[in-house]
């Protein structure tokens, strides 16, 4: 993945999404936008950083970081410490 594509706002989204279990509805309420300049949710999904998981039909869908999303977030955290 091209690290230059990962903006600080994308990293903020990944930090937020990973800080607690989030439902799809919670993520959409906080991060959905109709503004073409504010596409954090769509970008993270298209880059394979997050996924929507339907674990159970009786429970709400969850948004989770993918393995690539977790790796990108870890690299970002390490850069902040250095």
PDB file of N, CA and C in Angstrom:
ATOM      1  N   UNK A   1       0.843  -1.186   0.000  1.00  0.00           N
ATOM      2  CA  UNK A   1       0.000   0.000   0.000  1.00  0.00           C
ATOM      3  C   UNK A   1       0.881   1.239   0.000  1.00  0.00           C
ATOM      4  N   UNK A   2       0.467   2.232  -0.715  1.00  0.00           N
ATOM      5  CA  UNK A   2       1.187   3.499  -0.769  1.00  0.00           C
ATOM      6  C   UNK A   2       0.855   4.309   0.477  1.00  0.00           C
ATOM      7  N   UNK A   3       1.842   4.440   1.368  1.00  0.00           N
ATOM      8  CA  UNK A   3       1.620   5.143   2.630  1.00  0.00           C
ATOM      9  C   UNK A   3       1.256   6.611   2.424  1.00  0.00           C
ATOM     10  N   UNK A   4       1.678   7.214   1.305  1.00  0.00           N
ATOM     11  CA  UNK A   4       1.374   8.614   1.046  1.00  0.00           C
ATOM     12  C   UNK A   4      -0.123   8.839   0.892  1.00  0.00           C
ATOM     13  N   UNK A   5      -0.845   7.802   0.500  1.00  0.00           N
ATOM     14  CA  UNK A   5      -2.293   7.907   0.313  1.00  0.00           C
ATOM     15  C   UNK A   5      -3.015   7.983   1.653  1.00  0.00           C
ATOM     16  N   UNK A   6      -2.407   7.446   2.685  1.00  0.00           N
ATOM     17  CA  UNK A   6      -3.047   7.408   3.998  1.00  0.00           C
ATOM     18  C   UNK A   6      -2.898   8.762   4.686  1.00  0.00           C
ATOM     19  N   UNK A   7      -3.947   9.527   4.665  1.00  0.00           N
ATOM     20  CA  UNK A   7      -3.925  10.849   5.275  1.00  0.00           C
ATOM     21  C   UNK A   7      -4.072  10.744   6.784  1.00  0.00           C
ATOM     22  N   UNK A   8      -3.791  11.823   7.460  1.00  0.00           N
ATOM     23  CA  UNK A   8      -3.954  11.823   8.910  1.00  0.00           C
ATOM     24  C   UNK A   8      -5.426  11.635   9.289  1.00  0.00           C
ATOM     25  N   UNK A   9      -6.346  12.097   8.456  1.00  0.00           N
ATOM     26  CA  UNK A   9      -7.763  11.888   8.739  1.00  0.00           C
ATOM     27  C   UNK A   9      -8.132  10.408   8.590  1.00  0.00           C
ATOM     28  N   UNK A  10      -7.540   9.736   7.614  1.00  0.00           N
ATOM     29  CA  UNK A  10      -7.751   8.295   7.478  1.00  0.00           C
ATOM     30  C   UNK A  10      -7.228   7.578   8.717  1.00  0.00           C
ATOM     31  N   UNK A  11      -6.079   7.992   9.194  1.00  0.00           N
ATOM     32  CA  UNK A  11      -5.507   7.373  10.387  1.00  0.00           C
ATOM     33  C   UNK A  11      -6.373   7.664  11.613  1.00  0.00           C
ATOM     34  N   UNK A  12      -6.929   8.865  11.683  1.00  0.00           N
ATOM     35  CA  UNK A  12      -7.848   9.204  12.773  1.00  0.00           C
ATOM     36  C   UNK A  12      -9.065   8.286  12.731  1.00  0.00           C
ATOM     37  N   UNK A  13      -9.588   8.052  11.539  1.00  0.00           N
ATOM     38  CA  UNK A  13     -10.724   7.143  11.381  1.00  0.00           C
ATOM     39  C   UNK A  13     -10.355   5.735  11.844  1.00  0.00           C
ATOM     40  N   UNK A  14      -9.190   5.230  11.435  1.00  0.00           N
ATOM     41  CA  UNK A  14      -8.774   3.892  11.838  1.00  0.00           C
ATOM     42  C   UNK A  14      -8.582   3.805  13.353  1.00  0.00           C
ATOM     43  N   UNK A  15      -7.999   4.848  13.945  1.00  0.00           N
ATOM     44  CA  UNK A  15      -7.850   4.889  15.411  1.00  0.00           C
ATOM     45  C   UNK A  15      -9.224   4.816  16.076  1.00  0.00           C
ATOM     46  N   UNK A  16     -10.151   5.622  15.596  1.00  0.00           N
ATOM     47  CA  UNK A  16     -11.503   5.656  16.167  1.00  0.00           C
ATOM     48  C   UNK A  16     -12.194   4.307  16.001  1.00  0.00           C
ATOM     49  N   UNK A  17     -12.114   3.743  14.806  1.00  0.00           N
ATOM     50  CA  UNK A  17     -12.790   2.478  14.527  1.00  0.00           C
ATOM     51  C   UNK A  17     -12.216   1.340  15.356  1.00  0.00           C
ATOM     52  N   UNK A  18     -10.931   1.397  15.656  1.00  0.00           N
ATOM     53  CA  UNK A  18     -10.302   0.315  16.400  1.00  0.00           C
ATOM     54  C   UNK A  18     -10.399   0.495  17.914  1.00  0.00           C
ATOM     55  N   UNK A  19     -10.814   1.651  18.376  1.00  0.00           N
ATOM     56  CA  UNK A  19     -10.829   1.927  19.814  1.00  0.00           C
ATOM     57  C   UNK A  19     -11.976   1.252  20.559  1.00  0.00           C
ATOM     58  N   UNK A  20     -12.987   0.794  19.831  1.00  0.00           N
ATOM     59  CA  UNK A  20     -14.129   0.107  20.431  1.00  0.00           C
ATOM     60  C   UNK A  20     -14.855  -0.660  19.337  1.00  0.00           C
ATOM     61  N   UNK A  21     -15.679  -1.613  19.725  1.00  0.00           N
ATOM     62  CA  UNK A  21     -16.483  -2.286  18.719  1.00  0.00           C
ATOM     63  C   UNK A  21     -17.490  -1.289  18.173  1.00  0.00           C
ATOM     64  N   UNK A  22     -17.514  -1.162  16.859  1.00  0.00           N
ATOM     65  CA  UNK A  22     -18.408  -0.186  16.219  1.00  0.00           C
ATOM     66  C   UNK A  22     -19.382  -0.901  15.305  1.00  0.00           C
ATOM     67  N   UNK A  23     -20.638  -0.508  15.383  1.00  0.00           N
ATOM     68  CA  UNK A  23     -21.614  -1.044  14.441  1.00  0.00           C
ATOM     69  C   UNK A  23     -21.543  -0.224  13.160  1.00  0.00           C
ATOM     70  N   UNK A  24     -22.062  -0.810  12.109  1.00  0.00           N
ATOM     71  CA  UNK A  24     -22.129  -0.095  10.830  1.00  0.00           C
ATOM     72  C   UNK A  24     -22.906   1.203  11.007  1.00  0.00           C
ATOM     73  N   UNK A  25     -23.986   1.156  11.758  1.00  0.00           N
ATOM     74  CA  UNK A  25     -24.812   2.349  11.974  1.00  0.00           C
ATOM     75  C   UNK A  25     -24.030   3.443  12.700  1.00  0.00           C
ATOM     76  N   UNK A  26     -23.236   3.061  13.701  1.00  0.00           N
ATOM     77  CA  UNK A  26     -22.414   4.046  14.414  1.00  0.00           C
ATOM     78  C   UNK A  26     -21.393   4.696  13.482  1.00  0.00           C
ATOM     79  N   UNK A  27     -20.771   3.886  12.656  1.00  0.00           N
ATOM     80  CA  UNK A  27     -19.763   4.410  11.730  1.00  0.00           C
ATOM     81  C   UNK A  27     -20.410   5.359  10.730  1.00  0.00           C
ATOM     82  N   UNK A  28     -21.560   4.971  10.209  1.00  0.00           N
ATOM     83  CA  UNK A  28     -22.233   5.831   9.237  1.00  0.00           C
ATOM     84  C   UNK A  28     -22.681   7.139   9.876  1.00  0.00           C
ATOM     85  N   UNK A  29     -23.130   7.091  11.106  1.00  0.00           N
ATOM     86  CA  UNK A  29     -23.562   8.314  11.790  1.00  0.00           C
ATOM     87  C   UNK A  29     -22.391   9.264  12.010  1.00  0.00           C
ATOM     88  N   UNK A  30     -21.223   8.711  12.258  1.00  0.00           N
ATOM     89  CA  UNK A  30     -20.063   9.546  12.563  1.00  0.00           C
ATOM     90  C   UNK A  30     -19.238   9.931  11.335  1.00  0.00           C
ATOM     91  N   UNK A  31     -19.181   9.082  10.309  1.00  0.00           N
ATOM     92  CA  UNK A  31     -18.208   9.290   9.232  1.00  0.00           C
ATOM     93  C   UNK A  31     -18.789   9.383   7.827  1.00  0.00           C
ATOM     94  N   UNK A  32     -20.061   9.141   7.631  1.00  0.00           N
ATOM     95  CA  UNK A  32     -20.619   9.239   6.276  1.00  0.00           C
ATOM     96  C   UNK A  32     -20.666  10.690   5.855  1.00  0.00           C
ATOM     97  N   UNK A  33     -20.399  10.914   4.586  1.00  0.00           N
ATOM     98  CA  UNK A  33     -20.439  12.279   4.067  1.00  0.00           C
ATOM     99  C   UNK A  33     -20.879  12.253   2.619  1.00  0.00           C
ATOM    100  N   UNK A  34     -21.585  13.268   2.225  1.00  0.00           N
ATOM    101  CA  UNK A  34     -21.937  13.415   0.815  1.00  0.00           C
ATOM    102  C   UNK A  34     -20.990  14.388   0.126  1.00  0.00           C
ATOM    103  N   UNK A  35     -20.028  14.878   0.882  1.00  0.00           N
ATOM    104  CA  UNK A  35     -19.043  15.814   0.331  1.00  0.00           C
ATOM    105  C   UNK A  35     -17.969  15.031  -0.421  1.00  0.00           C
ATOM    106  N   UNK A  36     -17.726  15.352  -1.693  1.00  0.00           N
ATOM    107  CA  UNK A  36     -16.712  14.601  -2.446  1.00  0.00           C
ATOM    108  C   UNK A  36     -15.293  14.783  -1.919  1.00  0.00           C
ATOM    109  N   UNK A  37     -15.065  15.756  -1.087  1.00  0.00           N
ATOM    110  CA  UNK A  37     -13.732  15.971  -0.521  1.00  0.00           C
ATOM    111  C   UNK A  37     -13.547  15.261   0.813  1.00  0.00           C
ATOM    112  N   UNK A  38     -14.588  14.635   1.314  1.00  0.00           N
ATOM    113  CA  UNK A  38     -14.549  14.013   2.633  1.00  0.00           C
ATOM    114  C   UNK A  38     -14.997  12.554   2.486  1.00  0.00           C
ATOM    115  N   UNK A  39     -14.128  11.746   1.924  1.00  0.00           N
ATOM    116  CA  UNK A  39     -14.488  10.373   1.567  1.00  0.00           C
ATOM    117  C   UNK A  39     -13.750   9.345   2.410  1.00  0.00           C
ATOM    118  N   UNK A  40     -13.538   9.626   3.676  1.00  0.00           N
ATOM    119  CA  UNK A  40     -12.721   8.768   4.532  1.00  0.00           C
ATOM    120  C   UNK A  40     -13.287   7.352   4.599  1.00  0.00           C
ATOM    121  N   UNK A  41     -14.569   7.220   4.854  1.00  0.00           N
ATOM    122  CA  UNK A  41     -15.189   5.888   4.919  1.00  0.00           C
ATOM    123  C   UNK A  41     -14.994   5.144   3.608  1.00  0.00           C
ATOM    124  N   UNK A  42     -15.349   5.772   2.509  1.00  0.00           N
ATOM    125  CA  UNK A  42     -15.261   5.129   1.208  1.00  0.00           C
ATOM    126  C   UNK A  42     -13.812   4.785   0.849  1.00  0.00           C
ATOM    127  N   UNK A  43     -12.894   5.689   1.149  1.00  0.00           N
ATOM    128  CA  UNK A  43     -11.477   5.442   0.857  1.00  0.00           C
ATOM    129  C   UNK A  43     -10.943   4.259   1.665  1.00  0.00           C
ATOM    130  N   UNK A  44     -11.244   4.216   2.954  1.00  0.00           N
ATOM    131  CA  UNK A  44     -10.765   3.120   3.803  1.00  0.00           C
ATOM    132  C   UNK A  44     -11.328   1.782   3.344  1.00  0.00           C
ATOM    133  N   UNK A  45     -12.576   1.780   2.925  1.00  0.00           N
ATOM    134  CA  UNK A  45     -13.202   0.557   2.421  1.00  0.00           C
ATOM    135  C   UNK A  45     -12.555   0.136   1.097  1.00  0.00           C
ATOM    136  N   UNK A  46     -12.374   1.085   0.189  1.00  0.00           N
ATOM    137  CA  UNK A  46     -11.779   0.786  -1.120  1.00  0.00           C
ATOM    138  C   UNK A  46     -10.320   0.334  -1.008  1.00  0.00           C
ATOM    139  N   UNK A  47      -9.591   0.847  -0.022  1.00  0.00           N
ATOM    140  CA  UNK A  47      -8.189   0.468   0.164  1.00  0.00           C
ATOM    141  C   UNK A  47      -8.043  -0.840   0.935  1.00  0.00           C
ATOM    142  N   UNK A  48      -9.160  -1.406   1.373  1.00  0.00           N
ATOM    143  CA  UNK A  48      -9.105  -2.670   2.092  1.00  0.00           C
ATOM    144  C   UNK A  48      -8.633  -2.528   3.526  1.00  0.00           C
ATOM    145  N   UNK A  49      -8.818  -1.352   4.122  1.00  0.00           N
ATOM    146  CA  UNK A  49      -8.386  -1.114   5.496  1.00  0.00           C
ATOM    147  C   UNK A  49      -9.439  -1.514   6.513  1.00  0.00           C
ATOM    148  N   UNK A  50     -10.699  -1.561   6.085  1.00  0.00           N
ATOM    149  CA  UNK A  50     -11.810  -1.935   6.958  1.00  0.00           C
ATOM    150  C   UNK A  50     -12.714  -2.904   6.217  1.00  0.00           C
ATOM    151  N   UNK A  51     -13.561  -3.578   6.976  1.00  0.00           N
ATOM    152  CA  UNK A  51     -14.560  -4.460   6.388  1.00  0.00           C
ATOM    153  C   UNK A  51     -15.811  -4.436   7.253  1.00  0.00           C
ATOM    154  N   UNK A  52     -16.935  -4.722   6.629  1.00  0.00           N
ATOM    155  CA  UNK A  52     -18.210  -4.820   7.350  1.00  0.00           C
ATOM    156  C   UNK A  52     -18.498  -6.301   7.518  1.00  0.00           C
ATOM    157  N   UNK A  53     -18.741  -6.694   8.759  1.00  0.00           N
ATOM    158  CA  UNK A  53     -18.947  -8.104   9.069  1.00  0.00           C
ATOM    159  C   UNK A  53     -20.366  -8.304   9.559  1.00  0.00           C
ATOM    160  N   UNK A  54     -21.070  -9.217   8.904  1.00  0.00           N
ATOM    161  CA  UNK A  54     -22.409  -9.627   9.336  1.00  0.00           C
ATOM    162  C   UNK A  54     -22.240 -10.935  10.092  1.00  0.00           C
ATOM    163  N   UNK A  55     -22.017 -10.851  11.380  1.00  0.00           N
ATOM    164  CA  UNK A  55     -21.750 -12.063  12.165  1.00  0.00           C
ATOM    165  C   UNK A  55     -23.010 -12.860  12.435  1.00  0.00           C
ATOM    166  N   UNK A  56     -24.089 -12.163  12.639  1.00  0.00           N
ATOM    167  CA  UNK A  56     -25.318 -12.830  13.038  1.00  0.00           C
ATOM    168  C   UNK A  56     -26.475 -11.984  12.518  1.00  0.00           C
ATOM    169  N   UNK A  57     -27.450 -12.628  11.975  1.00  0.00           N
ATOM    170  CA  UNK A  57     -28.594 -11.889  11.433  1.00  0.00           C
ATOM    171  C   UNK A  57     -29.384 -11.170  12.527  1.00  0.00           C
ATOM    172  N   UNK A  58     -29.247 -11.609  13.780  1.00  0.00           N
ATOM    173  CA  UNK A  58     -29.966 -10.973  14.883  1.00  0.00           C
ATOM    174  C   UNK A  58     -29.180  -9.828  15.514  1.00  0.00           C
ATOM    175  N   UNK A  59     -27.920  -9.678  15.123  1.00  0.00           N
ATOM    176  CA  UNK A  59     -27.068  -8.626  15.690  1.00  0.00           C
ATOM    177  C   UNK A  59     -26.696  -7.643  14.584  1.00  0.00           C
ATOM    178  N   UNK A  60     -26.403  -6.406  14.955  1.00  0.00           N
ATOM    179  CA  UNK A  60     -26.029  -5.422  13.941  1.00  0.00           C
ATOM    180  C   UNK A  60     -24.678  -5.755  13.309  1.00  0.00           C
ATOM    181  N   UNK A  61     -24.510  -5.328  12.077  1.00  0.00           N
ATOM    182  CA  UNK A  61     -23.232  -5.501  11.385  1.00  0.00           C
ATOM    183  C   UNK A  61     -22.152  -4.710  12.097  1.00  0.00           C
ATOM    184  N   UNK A  62     -20.944  -5.219  12.087  1.00  0.00           N
ATOM    185  CA  UNK A  62     -19.798  -4.576  12.734  1.00  0.00           C
ATOM    186  C   UNK A  62     -18.809  -4.113  11.682  1.00  0.00           C
ATOM    187  N   UNK A  63     -18.127  -3.039  11.986  1.00  0.00           N
ATOM    188  CA  UNK A  63     -17.043  -2.543  11.140  1.00  0.00           C
ATOM    189  C   UNK A  63     -15.746  -2.855  11.870  1.00  0.00           C
ATOM    190  N   UNK A  64     -14.837  -3.540  11.179  1.00  0.00           N
ATOM    191  CA  UNK A  64     -13.561  -3.953  11.773  1.00  0.00           C
ATOM    192  C   UNK A  64     -12.423  -3.587  10.841  1.00  0.00           C
ATOM    193  N   UNK A  65     -11.270  -3.363  11.418  1.00  0.00           N
ATOM    194  CA  UNK A  65     -10.074  -3.161  10.609  1.00  0.00           C
ATOM    195  C   UNK A  65      -9.644  -4.506  10.043  1.00  0.00           C
ATOM    196  N   UNK A  66      -9.171  -4.488   8.809  1.00  0.00           N
ATOM    197  CA  UNK A  66      -8.617  -5.683   8.200  1.00  0.00           C
ATOM    198  C   UNK A  66      -7.183  -5.846   8.685  1.00  0.00           C
ATOM    199  N   UNK A  67      -6.556  -6.915   8.283  1.00  0.00           N
ATOM    200  CA  UNK A  67      -5.151  -7.121   8.621  1.00  0.00           C
ATOM    201  C   UNK A  67      -4.311  -5.966   8.074  1.00  0.00           C
ATOM    202  N   UNK A  68      -4.618  -5.539   6.861  1.00  0.00           N
ATOM    203  CA  UNK A  68      -3.898  -4.408   6.271  1.00  0.00           C
ATOM    204  C   UNK A  68      -4.180  -3.115   7.027  1.00  0.00           C
ATOM    205  N   UNK A  69      -5.405  -2.922   7.462  1.00  0.00           N
ATOM    206  CA  UNK A  69      -5.749  -1.739   8.243  1.00  0.00           C
ATOM    207  C   UNK A  69      -5.021  -1.704   9.573  1.00  0.00           C
ATOM    208  N   UNK A  70      -4.962  -2.849  10.243  1.00  0.00           N
ATOM    209  CA  UNK A  70      -4.223  -2.928  11.510  1.00  0.00           C
ATOM    210  C   UNK A  70      -2.736  -2.656  11.300  1.00  0.00           C
ATOM    211  N   UNK A  71      -2.167  -3.191  10.216  1.00  0.00           N
ATOM    212  CA  UNK A  71      -0.743  -2.971   9.929  1.00  0.00           C
ATOM    213  C   UNK A  71      -0.467  -1.497   9.636  1.00  0.00           C
ATOM    214  N   UNK A  72      -1.339  -0.851   8.864  1.00  0.00           N
ATOM    215  CA  UNK A  72      -1.164   0.570   8.550  1.00  0.00           C
ATOM    216  C   UNK A  72      -1.260   1.411   9.819  1.00  0.00           C
ATOM    217  N   UNK A  73      -2.192   1.076  10.683  1.00  0.00           N
ATOM    218  CA  UNK A  73      -2.358   1.812  11.937  1.00  0.00           C
ATOM    219  C   UNK A  73      -1.138   1.610  12.836  1.00  0.00           C
ATOM    220  N   UNK A  74      -0.617   0.404  12.887  1.00  0.00           N
ATOM    221  CA  UNK A  74       0.565   0.144  13.695  1.00  0.00           C
ATOM    222  C   UNK A  74       1.772   0.950  13.180  1.00  0.00           C
ATOM    223  N   UNK A  75       1.964   0.979  11.867  1.00  0.00           N
ATOM    224  CA  UNK A  75       3.069   1.767  11.286  1.00  0.00           C
ATOM    225  C   UNK A  75       2.896   3.249  11.613  1.00  0.00           C
ATOM    226  N   UNK A  76       1.669   3.741  11.547  1.00  0.00           N
ATOM    227  CA  UNK A  76       1.382   5.136  11.861  1.00  0.00           C
ATOM    228  C   UNK A  76       1.707   5.450  13.321  1.00  0.00           C
ATOM    229  N   UNK A  77       1.307   4.555  14.219  1.00  0.00           N
ATOM    230  CA  UNK A  77       1.597   4.755  15.642  1.00  0.00           C
ATOM    231  C   UNK A  77       3.098   4.767  15.895  1.00  0.00           C
ATOM    232  N   UNK A  78       3.834   3.894  15.231  1.00  0.00           N
ATOM    233  CA  UNK A  78       5.287   3.836  15.385  1.00  0.00           C
ATOM    234  C   UNK A  78       5.944   5.117  14.869  1.00  0.00           C
ATOM    235  N   UNK A  79       5.414   5.665  13.776  1.00  0.00           N
ATOM    236  CA  UNK A  79       5.957   6.920  13.225  1.00  0.00           C
ATOM    237  C   UNK A  79       5.717   8.061  14.200  1.00  0.00           C
ATOM    238  N   UNK A  80       4.574   8.084  14.866  1.00  0.00           N
ATOM    239  CA  UNK A  80       4.256   9.154  15.816  1.00  0.00           C
ATOM    240  C   UNK A  80       5.188   9.120  17.011  1.00  0.00           C
ATOM    241  N   UNK A  81       5.602   7.922  17.408  1.00  0.00           N
ATOM    242  CA  UNK A  81       6.494   7.782  18.563  1.00  0.00           C
ATOM    243  C   UNK A  81       7.905   8.219  18.227  1.00  0.00           C
ATOM    244  N   UNK A  82       8.341   7.947  17.011  1.00  0.00           N
ATOM    245  CA  UNK A  82       9.726   8.277  16.609  1.00  0.00           C
ATOM    246  C   UNK A  82       9.963   9.753  16.515  1.00  0.00           C
TER     247      UNK A  82
END
